[in-house]
Amino acid sequence: MRKIQLKDAKATLSTVVDQAVRGKPSVITRHGKPEAVVLGFADWERLSNVPSFGRLLMSAPLEPRDLPGRNRTPMRDAKL
């Protein structure tokens, strides 16, 4: 991923966007620190639609016998 200073990105914005559309995102820096990323809409859409970990777990094809039984013995007393 290429790095480009903010002032250079402003001067060549259409080129930066064209490269992002072709799959070459750019990191925009200000005073040497990364501040933003320019990437194509298709890449952004793909990254923004990642399901949460909870949804992945809920969609797992598990049967009741796939899970171990729950240990119902009481926990030890911490005596605080």
PDB file of N, CA and C in Angstrom:
ATOM      1  N   MET A   1       0.850  -1.159   0.000  1.00  0.00           N
ATOM      2  CA  MET A   1       0.000   0.000   0.000  1.00  0.00           C
ATOM      3  C   MET A   1       0.905   1.234   0.000  1.00  0.00           C
ATOM      4  N   ARG A   2       0.638   2.112  -0.902  1.00  0.00           N
ATOM      5  CA  ARG A   2       1.503   3.279  -1.000  1.00  0.00           C
ATOM      6  C   ARG A   2       1.088   4.348  -0.001  1.00  0.00           C
ATOM      7  N   LYS A   3       2.056   5.140   0.434  1.00  0.00           N
ATOM      8  CA  LYS A   3       1.809   6.254   1.343  1.00  0.00           C
ATOM      9  C   LYS A   3       1.973   7.535   0.554  1.00  0.00           C
ATOM     10  N   ILE A   4       1.080   8.481   0.814  1.00  0.00           N
ATOM     11  CA  ILE A   4       1.128   9.758   0.117  1.00  0.00           C
ATOM     12  C   ILE A   4       0.784  10.859   1.115  1.00  0.00           C
ATOM     13  N   GLN A   5       1.510  11.962   1.036  1.00  0.00           N
ATOM     14  CA  GLN A   5       1.259  13.079   1.932  1.00  0.00           C
ATOM     15  C   GLN A   5      -0.059  13.748   1.552  1.00  0.00           C
ATOM     16  N   LEU A   6      -0.691  14.351   2.529  1.00  0.00           N
ATOM     17  CA  LEU A   6      -1.986  14.978   2.313  1.00  0.00           C
ATOM     18  C   LEU A   6      -1.942  16.041   1.222  1.00  0.00           C
ATOM     19  N   LYS A   7      -0.928  16.874   1.224  1.00  0.00           N
ATOM     20  CA  LYS A   7      -0.847  17.936   0.210  1.00  0.00           C
ATOM     21  C   LYS A   7      -0.711  17.353  -1.188  1.00  0.00           C
ATOM     22  N   ASP A   8       0.022  16.246  -1.317  1.00  0.00           N
ATOM     23  CA  ASP A   8       0.160  15.593  -2.623  1.00  0.00           C
ATOM     24  C   ASP A   8      -1.141  14.901  -3.034  1.00  0.00           C
ATOM     25  N   ALA A   9      -1.842  14.337  -2.060  1.00  0.00           N
ATOM     26  CA  ALA A   9      -3.114  13.682  -2.357  1.00  0.00           C
ATOM     27  C   ALA A   9      -4.140  14.694  -2.839  1.00  0.00           C
ATOM     28  N   LYS A  10      -4.142  15.890  -2.229  1.00  0.00           N
ATOM     29  CA  LYS A  10      -5.076  16.933  -2.677  1.00  0.00           C
ATOM     30  C   LYS A  10      -4.764  17.357  -4.108  1.00  0.00           C
ATOM     31  N   ALA A  11      -3.489  17.446  -4.418  1.00  0.00           N
ATOM     32  CA  ALA A  11      -3.099  17.905  -5.753  1.00  0.00           C
ATOM     33  C   ALA A  11      -3.402  16.868  -6.830  1.00  0.00           C
ATOM     34  N   THR A  12      -3.391  15.596  -6.462  1.00  0.00           N
ATOM     35  CA  THR A  12      -3.584  14.523  -7.445  1.00  0.00           C
ATOM     36  C   THR A  12      -4.731  13.601  -7.040  1.00  0.00           C
ATOM     37  N   LEU A  13      -5.809  14.164  -6.521  1.00  0.00           N
ATOM     38  CA  LEU A  13      -6.907  13.356  -5.988  1.00  0.00           C
ATOM     39  C   LEU A  13      -7.493  12.407  -7.023  1.00  0.00           C
ATOM     40  N   SER A  14      -7.699  12.853  -8.234  1.00  0.00           N
ATOM     41  CA  SER A  14      -8.307  11.957  -9.236  1.00  0.00           C
ATOM     42  C   SER A  14      -7.403  10.757  -9.517  1.00  0.00           C
ATOM     43  N   THR A  15      -6.105  10.962  -9.515  1.00  0.00           N
ATOM     44  CA  THR A  15      -5.176   9.842  -9.720  1.00  0.00           C
ATOM     45  C   THR A  15      -5.226   8.873  -8.543  1.00  0.00           C
ATOM     46  N   VAL A  16      -5.287   9.408  -7.330  1.00  0.00           N
ATOM     47  CA  VAL A  16      -5.361   8.564  -6.131  1.00  0.00           C
ATOM     48  C   VAL A  16      -6.640   7.729  -6.164  1.00  0.00           C
ATOM     49  N   VAL A  17      -7.758   8.349  -6.554  1.00  0.00           N
ATOM     50  CA  VAL A  17      -9.032   7.633  -6.630  1.00  0.00           C
ATOM     51  C   VAL A  17      -8.993   6.581  -7.741  1.00  0.00           C
ATOM     52  N   ASP A  18      -8.439   6.927  -8.893  1.00  0.00           N
ATOM     53  CA  ASP A  18      -8.337   5.960  -9.995  1.00  0.00           C
ATOM     54  C   ASP A  18      -7.531   4.741  -9.576  1.00  0.00           C
ATOM     55  N   GLN A  19      -6.447   4.947  -8.859  1.00  0.00           N
ATOM     56  CA  GLN A  19      -5.630   3.822  -8.399  1.00  0.00           C
ATOM     57  C   GLN A  19      -6.385   2.982  -7.376  1.00  0.00           C
ATOM     58  N   ALA A  20      -7.148   3.642  -6.507  1.00  0.00           N
ATOM     59  CA  ALA A  20      -7.936   2.907  -5.514  1.00  0.00           C
ATOM     60  C   ALA A  20      -8.981   2.036  -6.191  1.00  0.00           C
ATOM     61  N   VAL A  21      -9.605   2.548  -7.240  1.00  0.00           N
ATOM     62  CA  VAL A  21     -10.605   1.776  -7.978  1.00  0.00           C
ATOM     63  C   VAL A  21      -9.962   0.552  -8.630  1.00  0.00           C
ATOM     64  N   ARG A  22      -8.717   0.677  -9.055  1.00  0.00           N
ATOM     65  CA  ARG A  22      -8.000  -0.445  -9.668  1.00  0.00           C
ATOM     66  C   ARG A  22      -7.408  -1.405  -8.641  1.00  0.00           C
ATOM     67  N   GLY A  23      -7.706  -1.184  -7.350  1.00  0.00           N
ATOM     68  CA  GLY A  23      -7.261  -2.118  -6.319  1.00  0.00           C
ATOM     69  C   GLY A  23      -5.963  -1.730  -5.644  1.00  0.00           C
ATOM     70  N   LYS A  24      -5.520  -0.490  -5.784  1.00  0.00           N
ATOM     71  CA  LYS A  24      -4.288  -0.035  -5.142  1.00  0.00           C
ATOM     72  C   LYS A  24      -4.616   1.090  -4.159  1.00  0.00           C
ATOM     73  N   PRO A  25      -4.997   0.741  -2.920  1.00  0.00           N
ATOM     74  CA  PRO A  25      -5.346   1.772  -1.946  1.00  0.00           C
ATOM     75  C   PRO A  25      -4.125   2.597  -1.541  1.00  0.00           C
ATOM     76  N   SER A  26      -4.390   3.782  -1.001  1.00  0.00           N
ATOM     77  CA  SER A  26      -3.328   4.685  -0.567  1.00  0.00           C
ATOM     78  C   SER A  26      -3.574   5.113   0.870  1.00  0.00           C
ATOM     79  N   VAL A  27      -2.503   5.200   1.632  1.00  0.00           N
ATOM     80  CA  VAL A  27      -2.561   5.734   2.993  1.00  0.00           C
ATOM     81  C   VAL A  27      -2.196   7.206   2.904  1.00  0.00           C
ATOM     82  N   ILE A  28      -3.082   8.059   3.417  1.00  0.00           N
ATOM     83  CA  ILE A  28      -2.842   9.495   3.422  1.00  0.00           C
ATOM     84  C   ILE A  28      -2.179   9.845   4.751  1.00  0.00           C
ATOM     85  N   THR A  29      -1.035  10.514   4.689  1.00  0.00           N
ATOM     86  CA  THR A  29      -0.307  10.879   5.900  1.00  0.00           C
ATOM     87  C   THR A  29      -0.327  12.383   6.096  1.00  0.00           C
ATOM     88  N   ARG A  30      -0.269  12.780   7.350  1.00  0.00           N
ATOM     89  CA  ARG A  30      -0.148  14.191   7.713  1.00  0.00           C
ATOM     90  C   ARG A  30       0.971  14.276   8.736  1.00  0.00           C
ATOM     91  N   HIS A  31       1.996  15.029   8.402  1.00  0.00           N
ATOM     92  CA  HIS A  31       3.183  15.155   9.258  1.00  0.00           C
ATOM     93  C   HIS A  31       3.802  13.786   9.538  1.00  0.00           C
ATOM     94  N   GLY A  32       3.767  12.904   8.549  1.00  0.00           N
ATOM     95  CA  GLY A  32       4.380  11.587   8.666  1.00  0.00           C
ATOM     96  C   GLY A  32       3.545  10.545   9.377  1.00  0.00           C
ATOM     97  N   LYS A  33       2.373  10.909   9.901  1.00  0.00           N
ATOM     98  CA  LYS A  33       1.516   9.961  10.606  1.00  0.00           C
ATOM     99  C   LYS A  33       0.345   9.566   9.720  1.00  0.00           C
ATOM    100  N   PRO A  34      -0.001   8.285   9.641  1.00  0.00           N
ATOM    101  CA  PRO A  34      -1.153   7.855   8.846  1.00  0.00           C
ATOM    102  C   PRO A  34      -2.444   8.451   9.403  1.00  0.00           C
ATOM    103  N   GLU A  35      -3.242   9.044   8.531  1.00  0.00           N
ATOM    104  CA  GLU A  35      -4.487   9.688   8.947  1.00  0.00           C
ATOM    105  C   GLU A  35      -5.720   9.083   8.285  1.00  0.00           C
ATOM    106  N   ALA A  36      -5.601   8.605   7.042  1.00  0.00           N
ATOM    107  CA  ALA A  36      -6.768   8.090   6.323  1.00  0.00           C
ATOM    108  C   ALA A  36      -6.303   7.097   5.261  1.00  0.00           C
ATOM    109  N   VAL A  37      -7.273   6.353   4.739  1.00  0.00           N
ATOM    110  CA  VAL A  37      -7.003   5.402   3.663  1.00  0.00           C
ATOM    111  C   VAL A  37      -8.014   5.658   2.554  1.00  0.00           C
ATOM    112  N   VAL A  38      -7.534   5.690   1.325  1.00  0.00           N
ATOM    113  CA  VAL A  38      -8.420   5.807   0.162  1.00  0.00           C
ATOM    114  C   VAL A  38      -8.431   4.445  -0.507  1.00  0.00           C
ATOM    115  N   LEU A  39      -9.617   3.832  -0.575  1.00  0.00           N
ATOM    116  CA  LEU A  39      -9.737   2.550  -1.246  1.00  0.00           C
ATOM    117  C   LEU A  39     -10.993   2.557  -2.090  1.00  0.00           C
ATOM    118  N   GLY A  40     -11.038   1.656  -3.035  1.00  0.00           N
ATOM    119  CA  GLY A  40     -12.182   1.576  -3.936  1.00  0.00           C
ATOM    120  C   GLY A  40     -13.456   1.190  -3.208  1.00  0.00           C
ATOM    121  N   PHE A  41     -14.589   1.569  -3.793  1.00  0.00           N
ATOM    122  CA  PHE A  41     -15.879   1.294  -3.167  1.00  0.00           C
ATOM    123  C   PHE A  41     -16.117  -0.208  -3.003  1.00  0.00           C
ATOM    124  N   ALA A  42     -15.722  -0.999  -3.977  1.00  0.00           N
ATOM    125  CA  ALA A  42     -15.926  -2.450  -3.887  1.00  0.00           C
ATOM    126  C   ALA A  42     -15.155  -3.030  -2.702  1.00  0.00           C
ATOM    127  N   ASP A  43     -13.928  -2.570  -2.491  1.00  0.00           N
ATOM    128  CA  ASP A  43     -13.141  -3.036  -1.341  1.00  0.00           C
ATOM    129  C   ASP A  43     -13.786  -2.601  -0.033  1.00  0.00           C
ATOM    130  N   TRP A  44     -14.254  -1.347   0.025  1.00  0.00           N
ATOM    131  CA  TRP A  44     -14.892  -0.855   1.238  1.00  0.00           C
ATOM    132  C   TRP A  44     -16.157  -1.642   1.538  1.00  0.00           C
ATOM    133  N   GLU A  45     -16.952  -1.920   0.509  1.00  0.00           N
ATOM    134  CA  GLU A  45     -18.190  -2.668   0.691  1.00  0.00           C
ATOM    135  C   GLU A  45     -17.906  -4.074   1.203  1.00  0.00           C
ATOM    136  N   ARG A  46     -16.881  -4.710   0.651  1.00  0.00           N
ATOM    137  CA  ARG A  46     -16.511  -6.058   1.087  1.00  0.00           C
ATOM    138  C   ARG A  46     -16.072  -6.048   2.553  1.00  0.00           C
ATOM    139  N   LEU A  47     -15.287  -5.059   2.947  1.00  0.00           N
ATOM    140  CA  LEU A  47     -14.793  -4.991   4.318  1.00  0.00           C
ATOM    141  C   LEU A  47     -15.865  -4.577   5.314  1.00  0.00           C
ATOM    142  N   SER A  48     -16.824  -3.793   4.889  1.00  0.00           N
ATOM    143  CA  SER A  48     -17.845  -3.314   5.822  1.00  0.00           C
ATOM    144  C   SER A  48     -18.948  -4.337   6.062  1.00  0.00           C
ATOM    145  N   ASN A  49     -19.014  -5.384   5.279  1.00  0.00           N
ATOM    146  CA  ASN A  49     -20.064  -6.394   5.433  1.00  0.00           C
ATOM    147  C   ASN A  49     -19.573  -7.661   6.121  1.00  0.00           C
ATOM    148  N   VAL A  50     -18.507  -7.566   6.882  1.00  0.00           N
ATOM    149  CA  VAL A  50     -17.998  -8.722   7.615  1.00  0.00           C
ATOM    150  C   VAL A  50     -18.942  -8.979   8.793  1.00  0.00           C
ATOM    151  N   PRO A  51     -19.452 -10.197   8.929  1.00  0.00           N
ATOM    152  CA  PRO A  51     -20.381 -10.466  10.024  1.00  0.00           C
ATOM    153  C   PRO A  51     -19.667 -10.442  11.377  1.00  0.00           C
ATOM    154  N   SER A  52     -20.434 -10.165  12.413  1.00  0.00           N
ATOM    155  CA  SER A  52     -19.863 -10.149  13.758  1.00  0.00           C
ATOM    156  C   SER A  52     -19.550 -11.585  14.187  1.00  0.00           C
ATOM    157  N   PHE A  53     -18.718 -11.704  15.196  1.00  0.00           N
ATOM    158  CA  PHE A  53     -18.349 -13.019  15.713  1.00  0.00           C
ATOM    159  C   PHE A  53     -19.583 -13.745  16.241  1.00  0.00           C
ATOM    160  N   GLY A  54     -20.482 -13.013  16.878  1.00  0.00           N
ATOM    161  CA  GLY A  54     -21.707 -13.619  17.394  1.00  0.00           C
ATOM    162  C   GLY A  54     -22.571 -14.190  16.287  1.00  0.00           C
ATOM    163  N   ARG A  55     -22.692 -13.457  15.181  1.00  0.00           N
ATOM    164  CA  ARG A  55     -23.486 -13.976  14.054  1.00  0.00           C
ATOM    165  C   ARG A  55     -22.840 -15.217  13.445  1.00  0.00           C
ATOM    166  N   LEU A  56     -21.514 -15.233  13.385  1.00  0.00           N
ATOM    167  CA  LEU A  56     -20.835 -16.423  12.874  1.00  0.00           C
ATOM    168  C   LEU A  56     -21.108 -17.627  13.764  1.00  0.00           C
ATOM    169  N   LEU A  57     -21.067 -17.427  15.081  1.00  0.00           N
ATOM    170  CA  LEU A  57     -21.346 -18.530  15.996  1.00  0.00           C
ATOM    171  C   LEU A  57     -22.783 -19.011  15.868  1.00  0.00           C
ATOM    172  N   MET A  58     -23.713 -18.063  15.748  1.00  0.00           N
ATOM    173  CA  MET A  58     -25.126 -18.443  15.653  1.00  0.00           C
ATOM    174  C   MET A  58     -25.434 -19.174  14.346  1.00  0.00           C
ATOM    175  N   SER A  59     -24.661 -18.940  13.313  1.00  0.00           N
ATOM    176  CA  SER A  59     -24.933 -19.599  12.037  1.00  0.00           C
ATOM    177  C   SER A  59     -24.191 -20.925  11.885  1.00  0.00           C
ATOM    178  N   ALA A  60     -23.429 -21.320  12.908  1.00  0.00           N
ATOM    179  CA  ALA A  60     -22.686 -22.581  12.838  1.00  0.00           C
ATOM    180  C   ALA A  60     -23.664 -23.759  12.819  1.00  0.00           C
ATOM    181  N   PRO A  61     -23.430 -24.731  11.952  1.00  0.00           N
ATOM    182  CA  PRO A  61     -24.346 -25.881  11.859  1.00  0.00           C
ATOM    183  C   PRO A  61     -24.066 -26.914  12.963  1.00  0.00           C
ATOM    184  N   LEU A  62     -24.432 -26.585  14.196  1.00  0.00           N
ATOM    185  CA  LEU A  62     -24.169 -27.474  15.322  1.00  0.00           C
ATOM    186  C   LEU A  62     -25.430 -28.238  15.700  1.00  0.00           C
ATOM    187  N   GLU A  63     -25.236 -29.468  16.118  1.00  0.00           N
ATOM    188  CA  GLU A  63     -26.292 -30.311  16.661  1.00  0.00           C
ATOM    189  C   GLU A  63     -26.120 -30.330  18.176  1.00  0.00           C
ATOM    190  N   PRO A  64     -27.171 -30.598  18.927  1.00  0.00           N
ATOM    191  CA  PRO A  64     -27.031 -30.624  20.394  1.00  0.00           C
ATOM    192  C   PRO A  64     -25.952 -31.583  20.882  1.00  0.00           C
ATOM    193  N   ARG A  65     -25.736 -32.672  20.191  1.00  0.00           N
ATOM    194  CA  ARG A  65     -24.724 -33.640  20.628  1.00  0.00           C
ATOM    195  C   ARG A  65     -23.293 -33.173  20.308  1.00  0.00           C
ATOM    196  N   ASP A  66     -23.164 -32.109  19.524  1.00  0.00           N
ATOM    197  CA  ASP A  66     -21.841 -31.585  19.192  1.00  0.00           C
ATOM    198  C   ASP A  66     -21.206 -30.826  20.352  1.00  0.00           C
ATOM    199  N   LEU A  67     -22.004 -30.340  21.275  1.00  0.00           N
ATOM    200  CA  LEU A  67     -21.498 -29.533  22.375  1.00  0.00           C
ATOM    201  C   LEU A  67     -21.311 -30.390  23.616  1.00  0.00           C
ATOM    202  N   PRO A  68     -20.258 -30.136  24.391  1.00  0.00           N
ATOM    203  CA  PRO A  68     -20.073 -30.915  25.626  1.00  0.00           C
ATOM    204  C   PRO A  68     -21.119 -30.511  26.658  1.00  0.00           C
ATOM    205  N   GLY A  69     -21.385 -31.417  27.583  1.00  0.00           N
ATOM    206  CA  GLY A  69     -22.340 -31.122  28.641  1.00  0.00           C
ATOM    207  C   GLY A  69     -21.789 -30.057  29.584  1.00  0.00           C
ATOM    208  N   ARG A  70     -22.705 -29.312  30.197  1.00  0.00           N
ATOM    209  CA  ARG A  70     -22.302 -28.236  31.093  1.00  0.00           C
ATOM    210  C   ARG A  70     -21.974 -28.798  32.463  1.00  0.00           C
ATOM    211  N   ASN A  71     -20.874 -28.336  33.031  1.00  0.00           N
ATOM    212  CA  ASN A  71     -20.465 -28.741  34.364  1.00  0.00           C
ATOM    213  C   ASN A  71     -21.250 -27.890  35.366  1.00  0.00           C
ATOM    214  N   ARG A  72     -22.138 -28.523  36.117  1.00  0.00           N
ATOM    215  CA  ARG A  72     -23.006 -27.779  37.027  1.00  0.00           C
ATOM    216  C   ARG A  72     -22.521 -27.822  38.487  1.00  0.00           C
ATOM    217  N   THR A  73     -21.330 -28.310  38.733  1.00  0.00           N
ATOM    218  CA  THR A  73     -20.813 -28.299  40.098  1.00  0.00           C
ATOM    219  C   THR A  73     -20.518 -26.872  40.524  1.00  0.00           C
ATOM    220  N   PRO A  74     -20.808 -26.529  41.782  1.00  0.00           N
ATOM    221  CA  PRO A  74     -20.583 -25.155  42.220  1.00  0.00           C
ATOM    222  C   PRO A  74     -19.089 -24.813  42.202  1.00  0.00           C
ATOM    223  N   MET A  75     -18.817 -23.560  42.001  1.00  0.00           N
ATOM    224  CA  MET A  75     -17.430 -23.088  41.994  1.00  0.00           C
ATOM    225  C   MET A  75     -16.928 -23.058  43.430  1.00  0.00           C
ATOM    226  N   ARG A  76     -15.629 -23.096  43.576  1.00  0.00           N
ATOM    227  CA  ARG A  76     -15.082 -23.060  44.934  1.00  0.00           C
ATOM    228  C   ARG A  76     -15.283 -21.676  45.539  1.00  0.00           C
ATOM    229  N   ASP A  77     -15.347 -21.620  46.854  1.00  0.00           N
ATOM    230  CA  ASP A  77     -15.555 -20.372  47.579  1.00  0.00           C
ATOM    231  C   ASP A  77     -14.236 -19.614  47.639  1.00  0.00           C
ATOM    232  N   ALA A  78     -14.244 -18.350  47.237  1.00  0.00           N
ATOM    233  CA  ALA A  78     -13.026 -17.549  47.230  1.00  0.00           C
ATOM    234  C   ALA A  78     -12.688 -17.002  48.616  1.00  0.00           C
ATOM    235  N   LYS A  79     -13.638 -16.980  49.523  1.00  0.00           N
ATOM    236  CA  LYS A  79     -13.459 -16.502  50.914  1.00  0.00           C
ATOM    237  C   LYS A  79     -12.829 -15.118  50.942  1.00  0.00           C
ATOM    238  N   LEU A  80     -13.520 -14.203  50.296  1.00  0.00           N
ATOM    239  CA  LEU A  80     -13.019 -12.814  50.296  1.00  0.00           C
ATOM    240  C   LEU A  80     -13.525 -12.046  51.479  1.00  0.00           C
TER     241      LEU A  80
END
